[in-house]
Amino acid sequence: MWIEAGHAADPGRYHNATRDGAVTALRGDIALTTQSAKVSCMTDSKHTGGALACLVDLTSPPPRPDTAYGEWKGGWIDFDGTNLHVGSSRADPGPFINGNGPELANGDSLAFGDYRCRADQAGLFCVNYARQSAVRFATAGIQPFGCLRSVPPPDGVGTAFSC
């Protein structure tokens, strides 16, 4: 598999987030960024059971739905393997309150929990092995793979996919 073929990065490097020079240890959670795809991702085991939350600088984010309340973040992506939500109403910065993780270099892959992600010029690709699904995060858009199919989005979400 192409994602697995990447150079394995040391997961120990990705258990911290940095904001304004202050480093926060994330214990078992993971944080990473990519330069080429302008993506920042983080897990939050305490609140989401280890699902991946990502902020992507989308060129064309989904529009704010009528059901959204709070601050609209069109580039907020939640991916738990079964569901992929693009765009979200947020009242707080969630796990990103601690900043962003270290850069995952193009060609490197990072394995954590049920996930493995690989950075590339074309985006950040993440597979969830337990659910046999994957996603590409890129400024050009979010692309689902595997069992993920378009579904009506829940309230407050721009676009949704589900297995």
N, C-alpha and C. Protein backbone atom coordinates (compact mmCIF):
# COMPACT_ATOMS: atom_id res chain seq x y z
N MET A 1 0.84 -1.18 0.00
CA MET A 1 0.00 0.00 0.00
C MET A 1 0.89 1.25 0.00
N TRP A 2 0.50 2.24 -0.75
CA TRP A 2 1.30 3.44 -0.93
C TRP A 2 1.56 4.18 0.40
N ILE A 3 0.57 4.27 1.26
CA ILE A 3 0.75 4.97 2.54
C ILE A 3 1.81 4.26 3.38
N GLU A 4 1.76 2.94 3.41
CA GLU A 4 2.73 2.16 4.18
C GLU A 4 4.14 2.24 3.62
N ALA A 5 4.26 2.54 2.33
CA ALA A 5 5.56 2.59 1.69
C ALA A 5 6.37 3.82 2.07
N GLY A 6 5.74 4.77 2.75
CA GLY A 6 6.45 5.96 3.18
C GLY A 6 7.49 5.64 4.25
N HIS A 7 8.46 6.52 4.39
CA HIS A 7 9.49 6.36 5.43
C HIS A 7 8.82 6.49 6.80
N ALA A 8 8.96 5.49 7.65
CA ALA A 8 8.30 5.47 8.95
C ALA A 8 8.87 6.55 9.87
N ALA A 9 8.00 7.45 10.30
CA ALA A 9 8.39 8.49 11.26
C ALA A 9 8.25 7.93 12.67
N ASP A 10 9.04 8.45 13.60
CA ASP A 10 9.01 8.04 15.00
C ASP A 10 7.78 8.67 15.67
N PRO A 11 6.78 7.86 16.09
CA PRO A 11 5.59 8.42 16.73
C PRO A 11 5.90 9.22 17.99
N GLY A 12 7.00 8.92 18.66
CA GLY A 12 7.38 9.64 19.87
C GLY A 12 7.57 11.13 19.65
N ARG A 13 7.88 11.53 18.43
CA ARG A 13 8.07 12.96 18.10
C ARG A 13 6.75 13.72 18.02
N TYR A 14 5.62 13.00 17.96
CA TYR A 14 4.35 13.64 17.65
C TYR A 14 3.36 13.63 18.83
N HIS A 15 3.90 13.57 20.04
CA HIS A 15 3.05 13.58 21.24
C HIS A 15 3.04 14.95 21.93
N ASN A 16 3.40 16.00 21.19
CA ASN A 16 3.43 17.35 21.74
C ASN A 16 2.79 18.32 20.75
N ALA A 17 2.22 19.40 21.28
CA ALA A 17 1.71 20.49 20.45
C ALA A 17 2.37 21.77 20.93
N THR A 18 2.61 22.70 20.01
CA THR A 18 3.27 23.96 20.35
C THR A 18 2.39 25.12 19.93
N ARG A 19 2.24 26.07 20.86
CA ARG A 19 1.50 27.29 20.58
C ARG A 19 2.25 28.46 21.19
N ASP A 20 2.61 29.43 20.37
CA ASP A 20 3.33 30.62 20.83
C ASP A 20 4.57 30.25 21.65
N GLY A 21 5.28 29.21 21.21
CA GLY A 21 6.52 28.81 21.88
C GLY A 21 6.33 27.89 23.07
N ALA A 22 5.10 27.74 23.56
CA ALA A 22 4.83 26.86 24.70
C ALA A 22 4.49 25.46 24.20
N VAL A 23 5.19 24.45 24.75
CA VAL A 23 5.00 23.07 24.35
C VAL A 23 4.10 22.37 25.37
N THR A 24 3.08 21.67 24.87
CA THR A 24 2.17 20.91 25.72
C THR A 24 2.30 19.43 25.38
N ALA A 25 2.57 18.61 26.40
CA ALA A 25 2.63 17.16 26.21
C ALA A 25 1.20 16.64 26.05
N LEU A 26 0.98 15.82 25.04
CA LEU A 26 -0.36 15.31 24.74
C LEU A 26 -0.58 13.90 25.27
N ARG A 27 0.35 13.39 26.05
CA ARG A 27 0.30 12.03 26.57
C ARG A 27 0.18 11.05 25.42
N GLY A 28 -0.92 10.32 25.30
CA GLY A 28 -1.07 9.33 24.25
C GLY A 28 -1.59 9.87 22.94
N ASP A 29 -1.98 11.14 22.91
CA ASP A 29 -2.51 11.71 21.68
C ASP A 29 -1.40 12.12 20.72
N ILE A 30 -1.79 12.32 19.47
CA ILE A 30 -0.87 12.63 18.38
C ILE A 30 -1.24 13.98 17.77
N ALA A 31 -0.24 14.75 17.39
CA ALA A 31 -0.45 16.01 16.66
C ALA A 31 0.58 16.08 15.55
N LEU A 32 0.14 16.53 14.36
CA LEU A 32 1.06 16.65 13.23
C LEU A 32 0.57 17.75 12.30
N THR A 33 1.51 18.29 11.53
CA THR A 33 1.18 19.27 10.50
C THR A 33 1.90 18.87 9.22
N THR A 34 1.43 19.43 8.11
CA THR A 34 2.13 19.29 6.84
C THR A 34 2.24 20.67 6.24
N GLN A 35 3.35 20.94 5.60
CA GLN A 35 3.56 22.24 4.97
C GLN A 35 2.87 22.31 3.62
N SER A 36 3.10 21.32 2.76
CA SER A 36 2.60 21.41 1.39
C SER A 36 1.08 21.38 1.32
N ALA A 37 0.43 20.63 2.20
CA ALA A 37 -1.02 20.52 2.15
C ALA A 37 -1.72 21.51 3.09
N LYS A 38 -0.95 22.24 3.90
CA LYS A 38 -1.49 23.18 4.87
C LYS A 38 -2.55 22.51 5.75
N VAL A 39 -2.13 21.43 6.41
CA VAL A 39 -3.00 20.62 7.25
C VAL A 39 -2.41 20.54 8.65
N SER A 40 -3.27 20.61 9.66
CA SER A 40 -2.89 20.37 11.04
C SER A 40 -3.89 19.38 11.61
N CYS A 41 -3.40 18.23 12.12
CA CYS A 41 -4.28 17.20 12.66
C CYS A 41 -3.89 16.85 14.09
N MET A 42 -4.90 16.36 14.83
CA MET A 42 -4.67 16.00 16.22
C MET A 42 -5.72 14.98 16.66
N THR A 43 -5.32 14.07 17.54
CA THR A 43 -6.29 13.18 18.17
C THR A 43 -6.62 13.76 19.54
N ASP A 44 -7.78 13.39 20.05
CA ASP A 44 -8.22 13.86 21.37
C ASP A 44 -8.96 12.70 22.04
N SER A 45 -8.19 11.77 22.60
CA SER A 45 -8.75 10.54 23.17
C SER A 45 -9.78 10.82 24.25
N LYS A 46 -9.55 11.84 25.04
CA LYS A 46 -10.45 12.16 26.15
C LYS A 46 -11.86 12.52 25.67
N HIS A 47 -11.96 13.25 24.55
CA HIS A 47 -13.26 13.74 24.09
C HIS A 47 -13.83 13.01 22.88
N THR A 48 -12.97 12.40 22.06
CA THR A 48 -13.46 11.77 20.83
C THR A 48 -13.02 10.32 20.69
N GLY A 49 -12.41 9.75 21.70
CA GLY A 49 -11.97 8.36 21.61
C GLY A 49 -10.83 8.12 20.65
N GLY A 50 -10.10 9.16 20.30
CA GLY A 50 -8.95 9.00 19.42
C GLY A 50 -9.22 9.31 17.97
N ALA A 51 -10.41 9.85 17.66
CA ALA A 51 -10.71 10.25 16.28
C ALA A 51 -9.76 11.36 15.86
N LEU A 52 -9.58 11.49 14.57
CA LEU A 52 -8.68 12.49 14.01
C LEU A 52 -9.46 13.76 13.68
N ALA A 53 -9.02 14.87 14.24
CA ALA A 53 -9.58 16.19 13.91
C ALA A 53 -8.50 16.95 13.15
N CYS A 54 -8.88 17.55 12.03
CA CYS A 54 -7.90 18.27 11.22
C CYS A 54 -8.43 19.64 10.82
N LEU A 55 -7.53 20.59 10.76
CA LEU A 55 -7.82 21.91 10.20
C LEU A 55 -7.08 21.99 8.88
N VAL A 56 -7.84 22.26 7.81
CA VAL A 56 -7.27 22.31 6.47
C VAL A 56 -7.60 23.66 5.87
N ASP A 57 -6.60 24.29 5.28
CA ASP A 57 -6.79 25.58 4.62
C ASP A 57 -7.40 25.31 3.24
N LEU A 58 -8.72 25.02 3.22
CA LEU A 58 -9.41 24.66 1.99
C LEU A 58 -9.60 25.86 1.08
N THR A 59 -9.31 25.67 -0.20
CA THR A 59 -9.52 26.71 -1.21
C THR A 59 -11.01 27.03 -1.34
N SER A 60 -11.85 25.99 -1.28
CA SER A 60 -13.29 26.16 -1.42
C SER A 60 -14.01 25.34 -0.35
N PRO A 61 -14.07 25.83 0.89
CA PRO A 61 -14.72 25.06 1.96
C PRO A 61 -16.23 25.00 1.74
N PRO A 62 -16.89 24.02 2.35
CA PRO A 62 -18.34 23.96 2.22
C PRO A 62 -18.98 25.19 2.86
N PRO A 63 -20.09 25.65 2.31
CA PRO A 63 -20.74 26.81 2.90
C PRO A 63 -21.37 26.47 4.25
N ARG A 64 -21.54 27.47 5.04
CA ARG A 64 -22.18 27.32 6.35
C ARG A 64 -23.63 26.87 6.15
N PRO A 65 -24.02 25.72 6.73
CA PRO A 65 -25.41 25.29 6.59
C PRO A 65 -26.33 26.11 7.51
N ASP A 66 -27.61 26.12 7.18
CA ASP A 66 -28.59 26.85 7.99
C ASP A 66 -28.66 26.31 9.41
N THR A 67 -28.28 25.04 9.62
CA THR A 67 -28.35 24.40 10.94
C THR A 67 -27.14 24.71 11.81
N ALA A 68 -26.19 25.47 11.28
CA ALA A 68 -24.96 25.77 12.03
C ALA A 68 -25.21 26.88 13.04
N TYR A 69 -24.62 26.74 14.21
CA TYR A 69 -24.62 27.80 15.20
C TYR A 69 -23.21 27.90 15.75
N GLY A 70 -22.85 29.05 16.28
CA GLY A 70 -21.47 29.25 16.72
C GLY A 70 -20.62 29.67 15.54
N GLU A 71 -19.32 29.64 15.72
CA GLU A 71 -18.40 30.05 14.67
C GLU A 71 -18.24 28.94 13.64
N TRP A 72 -18.43 29.26 12.36
CA TRP A 72 -18.32 28.28 11.29
C TRP A 72 -16.86 28.10 10.89
N LYS A 73 -16.40 26.86 10.87
CA LYS A 73 -15.05 26.51 10.44
C LYS A 73 -15.18 25.54 9.26
N GLY A 74 -15.18 26.07 8.05
CA GLY A 74 -15.35 25.25 6.86
C GLY A 74 -14.23 24.26 6.63
N GLY A 75 -13.04 24.51 7.19
CA GLY A 75 -11.90 23.62 7.04
C GLY A 75 -11.68 22.69 8.21
N TRP A 76 -12.67 22.58 9.12
CA TRP A 76 -12.55 21.65 10.25
C TRP A 76 -13.05 20.29 9.78
N ILE A 77 -12.20 19.26 9.87
CA ILE A 77 -12.55 17.92 9.41
C ILE A 77 -12.45 16.96 10.58
N ASP A 78 -13.50 16.15 10.76
CA ASP A 78 -13.49 15.07 11.76
C ASP A 78 -13.54 13.74 11.03
N PHE A 79 -12.61 12.83 11.36
CA PHE A 79 -12.53 11.53 10.71
C PHE A 79 -12.30 10.47 11.78
N ASP A 80 -13.32 9.60 11.99
CA ASP A 80 -13.17 8.53 12.98
C ASP A 80 -13.07 7.15 12.34
N GLY A 81 -12.97 7.12 11.01
CA GLY A 81 -12.89 5.85 10.29
C GLY A 81 -14.23 5.46 9.71
N THR A 82 -15.31 5.65 10.46
CA THR A 82 -16.66 5.35 9.98
C THR A 82 -17.31 6.58 9.39
N ASN A 83 -17.03 7.75 9.95
CA ASN A 83 -17.62 9.01 9.51
C ASN A 83 -16.53 10.02 9.17
N LEU A 84 -16.82 10.81 8.15
CA LEU A 84 -15.95 11.90 7.73
C LEU A 84 -16.83 13.14 7.59
N HIS A 85 -16.60 14.14 8.44
CA HIS A 85 -17.38 15.38 8.41
C HIS A 85 -16.48 16.53 8.00
N VAL A 86 -16.93 17.30 7.01
CA VAL A 86 -16.18 18.44 6.49
C VAL A 86 -16.96 19.70 6.82
N GLY A 87 -16.33 20.59 7.58
CA GLY A 87 -16.98 21.82 8.03
C GLY A 87 -17.71 21.57 9.33
N SER A 88 -17.57 22.50 10.28
CA SER A 88 -18.18 22.30 11.59
C SER A 88 -18.39 23.63 12.29
N SER A 89 -19.45 23.70 13.06
CA SER A 89 -19.67 24.84 13.95
C SER A 89 -18.86 24.58 15.21
N ARG A 90 -18.07 25.55 15.60
CA ARG A 90 -17.19 25.37 16.75
C ARG A 90 -17.37 26.52 17.72
N ALA A 91 -17.52 26.22 18.98
CA ALA A 91 -17.59 27.25 20.01
C ALA A 91 -16.23 27.46 20.67
N ASP A 92 -15.32 26.52 20.44
CA ASP A 92 -13.99 26.60 21.04
C ASP A 92 -12.98 25.94 20.09
N PRO A 93 -11.70 26.08 20.36
CA PRO A 93 -10.68 25.51 19.47
C PRO A 93 -10.48 24.00 19.64
N GLY A 94 -11.23 23.37 20.54
CA GLY A 94 -11.08 21.93 20.74
C GLY A 94 -9.64 21.58 21.07
N PRO A 95 -9.13 20.47 20.52
CA PRO A 95 -7.77 20.05 20.87
C PRO A 95 -6.71 21.02 20.37
N PHE A 96 -7.06 21.89 19.42
CA PHE A 96 -6.08 22.82 18.87
C PHE A 96 -5.77 23.99 19.81
N ILE A 97 -6.41 24.00 20.98
CA ILE A 97 -6.10 25.03 21.98
C ILE A 97 -4.62 24.95 22.37
N ASN A 98 -4.04 23.75 22.25
CA ASN A 98 -2.63 23.55 22.60
C ASN A 98 -1.68 23.87 21.46
N GLY A 99 -2.21 24.25 20.30
CA GLY A 99 -1.36 24.57 19.17
C GLY A 99 -1.35 23.48 18.13
N ASN A 100 -0.22 23.33 17.47
CA ASN A 100 -0.07 22.38 16.38
C ASN A 100 1.10 21.44 16.66
N GLY A 101 1.07 20.30 16.00
CA GLY A 101 2.14 19.32 16.16
C GLY A 101 3.29 19.58 15.23
N PRO A 102 4.34 18.78 15.36
CA PRO A 102 5.51 18.89 14.48
C PRO A 102 5.14 18.52 13.04
N GLU A 103 5.98 18.95 12.11
CA GLU A 103 5.74 18.66 10.71
C GLU A 103 6.05 17.21 10.38
N LEU A 104 5.15 16.59 9.64
CA LEU A 104 5.39 15.29 9.05
C LEU A 104 5.88 15.58 7.64
N ALA A 105 7.13 15.26 7.36
CA ALA A 105 7.75 15.61 6.08
C ALA A 105 7.16 14.80 4.93
N ASN A 106 7.15 15.39 3.74
CA ASN A 106 6.67 14.68 2.56
C ASN A 106 7.44 13.38 2.40
N GLY A 107 6.71 12.29 2.15
CA GLY A 107 7.32 10.97 2.00
C GLY A 107 7.37 10.18 3.29
N ASP A 108 7.09 10.85 4.43
CA ASP A 108 7.08 10.15 5.72
C ASP A 108 5.68 9.67 6.04
N SER A 109 5.60 8.56 6.77
CA SER A 109 4.31 8.05 7.25
C SER A 109 4.38 7.89 8.75
N LEU A 110 3.23 8.04 9.39
CA LEU A 110 3.13 7.99 10.85
C LEU A 110 2.00 7.05 11.23
N ALA A 111 2.31 6.01 12.02
CA ALA A 111 1.31 5.05 12.49
C ALA A 111 0.95 5.37 13.93
N PHE A 112 -0.37 5.39 14.22
CA PHE A 112 -0.87 5.62 15.58
C PHE A 112 -2.28 5.06 15.67
N GLY A 113 -2.59 4.37 16.77
CA GLY A 113 -3.91 3.78 16.93
C GLY A 113 -4.28 2.94 15.71
N ASP A 114 -5.49 3.17 15.18
CA ASP A 114 -5.95 2.47 13.98
C ASP A 114 -5.54 3.17 12.70
N TYR A 115 -4.76 4.25 12.81
CA TYR A 115 -4.43 5.10 11.67
C TYR A 115 -2.99 4.96 11.20
N ARG A 116 -2.79 5.27 9.94
CA ARG A 116 -1.47 5.55 9.39
C ARG A 116 -1.67 6.68 8.39
N CYS A 117 -0.84 7.72 8.51
CA CYS A 117 -0.92 8.87 7.62
C CYS A 117 0.41 9.05 6.89
N ARG A 118 0.32 9.54 5.66
CA ARG A 118 1.52 9.83 4.87
C ARG A 118 1.37 11.22 4.27
N ALA A 119 2.41 12.02 4.43
CA ALA A 119 2.45 13.36 3.84
C ALA A 119 3.02 13.29 2.44
N ASP A 120 2.47 14.12 1.56
CA ASP A 120 2.89 14.14 0.16
C ASP A 120 2.58 15.53 -0.40
N GLN A 121 3.19 15.90 -1.51
CA GLN A 121 2.89 17.18 -2.17
C GLN A 121 1.40 17.31 -2.47
N ALA A 122 0.74 16.18 -2.77
CA ALA A 122 -0.68 16.19 -3.14
C ALA A 122 -1.60 16.25 -1.94
N GLY A 123 -1.07 16.15 -0.72
CA GLY A 123 -1.90 16.23 0.48
C GLY A 123 -1.43 15.29 1.56
N LEU A 124 -2.24 15.22 2.61
CA LEU A 124 -2.02 14.27 3.70
C LEU A 124 -3.03 13.15 3.51
N PHE A 125 -2.55 11.93 3.41
CA PHE A 125 -3.41 10.76 3.21
C PHE A 125 -3.42 9.97 4.51
N CYS A 126 -4.62 9.67 5.03
CA CYS A 126 -4.73 8.90 6.27
C CYS A 126 -5.69 7.73 6.06
N VAL A 127 -5.25 6.55 6.47
CA VAL A 127 -6.08 5.36 6.40
C VAL A 127 -6.45 4.94 7.82
N ASN A 128 -7.68 4.45 7.97
CA ASN A 128 -8.12 3.86 9.23
C ASN A 128 -8.27 2.37 8.94
N TYR A 129 -7.35 1.56 9.44
CA TYR A 129 -7.34 0.13 9.14
C TYR A 129 -8.56 -0.59 9.70
N ALA A 130 -9.01 -0.22 10.88
CA ALA A 130 -10.13 -0.90 11.52
C ALA A 130 -11.41 -0.77 10.70
N ARG A 131 -11.57 0.35 10.02
CA ARG A 131 -12.80 0.62 9.25
C ARG A 131 -12.60 0.49 7.74
N GLN A 132 -11.37 0.24 7.31
CA GLN A 132 -11.04 0.11 5.89
C GLN A 132 -11.50 1.34 5.10
N SER A 133 -11.15 2.49 5.64
CA SER A 133 -11.48 3.76 4.99
C SER A 133 -10.25 4.64 5.00
N ALA A 134 -10.27 5.66 4.16
CA ALA A 134 -9.13 6.57 4.08
C ALA A 134 -9.63 7.92 3.57
N VAL A 135 -8.76 8.93 3.72
CA VAL A 135 -9.11 10.28 3.27
C VAL A 135 -7.84 11.01 2.84
N ARG A 136 -8.00 11.87 1.84
CA ARG A 136 -6.92 12.78 1.45
C ARG A 136 -7.34 14.17 1.89
N PHE A 137 -6.48 14.81 2.69
CA PHE A 137 -6.67 16.19 3.13
C PHE A 137 -5.79 17.07 2.26
N ALA A 138 -6.36 18.02 1.56
CA ALA A 138 -5.58 18.92 0.72
C ALA A 138 -6.32 20.25 0.57
N THR A 139 -5.59 21.31 0.27
CA THR A 139 -6.24 22.61 0.08
C THR A 139 -7.27 22.56 -1.04
N ALA A 140 -7.05 21.70 -2.05
CA ALA A 140 -7.99 21.57 -3.17
C ALA A 140 -9.29 20.88 -2.76
N GLY A 141 -9.29 20.17 -1.63
CA GLY A 141 -10.50 19.51 -1.16
C GLY A 141 -10.22 18.24 -0.39
N ILE A 142 -11.28 17.68 0.14
CA ILE A 142 -11.21 16.47 0.94
C ILE A 142 -11.76 15.33 0.08
N GLN A 143 -10.98 14.23 -0.03
CA GLN A 143 -11.38 13.12 -0.88
C GLN A 143 -11.47 11.84 -0.05
N PRO A 144 -12.69 11.24 0.04
CA PRO A 144 -12.85 9.99 0.79
C PRO A 144 -12.47 8.78 -0.06
N PHE A 145 -12.05 7.70 0.61
CA PHE A 145 -11.71 6.44 -0.05
C PHE A 145 -12.31 5.29 0.76
N GLY A 146 -12.29 4.11 0.17
CA GLY A 146 -12.77 2.91 0.86
C GLY A 146 -14.28 2.90 0.96
N CYS A 147 -14.77 2.58 2.13
CA CYS A 147 -16.21 2.43 2.34
C CYS A 147 -16.96 3.76 2.48
N LEU A 148 -16.27 4.88 2.56
CA LEU A 148 -16.92 6.17 2.78
C LEU A 148 -17.74 6.60 1.56
N ARG A 149 -19.01 6.90 1.78
CA ARG A 149 -19.93 7.35 0.75
C ARG A 149 -20.64 8.61 1.22
N SER A 150 -21.00 9.47 0.30
CA SER A 150 -21.70 10.71 0.63
C SER A 150 -23.04 10.40 1.30
N VAL A 151 -23.32 11.12 2.40
CA VAL A 151 -24.59 10.98 3.13
C VAL A 151 -25.07 12.39 3.49
N PRO A 152 -26.38 12.54 3.80
CA PRO A 152 -26.85 13.85 4.26
C PRO A 152 -26.10 14.24 5.54
N PRO A 153 -25.57 15.46 5.59
CA PRO A 153 -24.81 15.86 6.78
C PRO A 153 -25.70 16.08 7.99
N PRO A 154 -25.20 15.75 9.19
CA PRO A 154 -25.94 16.08 10.40
C PRO A 154 -25.97 17.59 10.61
N ASP A 155 -26.83 18.05 11.48
CA ASP A 155 -26.92 19.48 11.77
C ASP A 155 -25.55 20.06 12.10
N GLY A 156 -25.25 21.23 11.52
CA GLY A 156 -24.01 21.93 11.83
C GLY A 156 -22.79 21.45 11.06
N VAL A 157 -22.95 20.51 10.12
CA VAL A 157 -21.84 19.98 9.34
C VAL A 157 -22.08 20.33 7.88
N GLY A 158 -21.01 20.70 7.15
CA GLY A 158 -21.13 21.11 5.76
C GLY A 158 -21.34 19.95 4.81
N THR A 159 -20.45 18.94 4.86
CA THR A 159 -20.50 17.78 3.97
C THR A 159 -20.18 16.55 4.82
N ALA A 160 -20.83 15.42 4.52
CA ALA A 160 -20.60 14.22 5.33
C ALA A 160 -20.47 12.98 4.44
N PHE A 161 -19.65 12.05 4.93
CA PHE A 161 -19.46 10.75 4.31
C PHE A 161 -19.52 9.71 5.43
N SER A 162 -19.99 8.52 5.11
CA SER A 162 -20.10 7.48 6.13
C SER A 162 -19.93 6.11 5.50
N CYS A 163 -19.50 5.14 6.30
CA CYS A 163 -19.38 3.75 5.84
C CYS A 163 -20.69 3.01 6.07
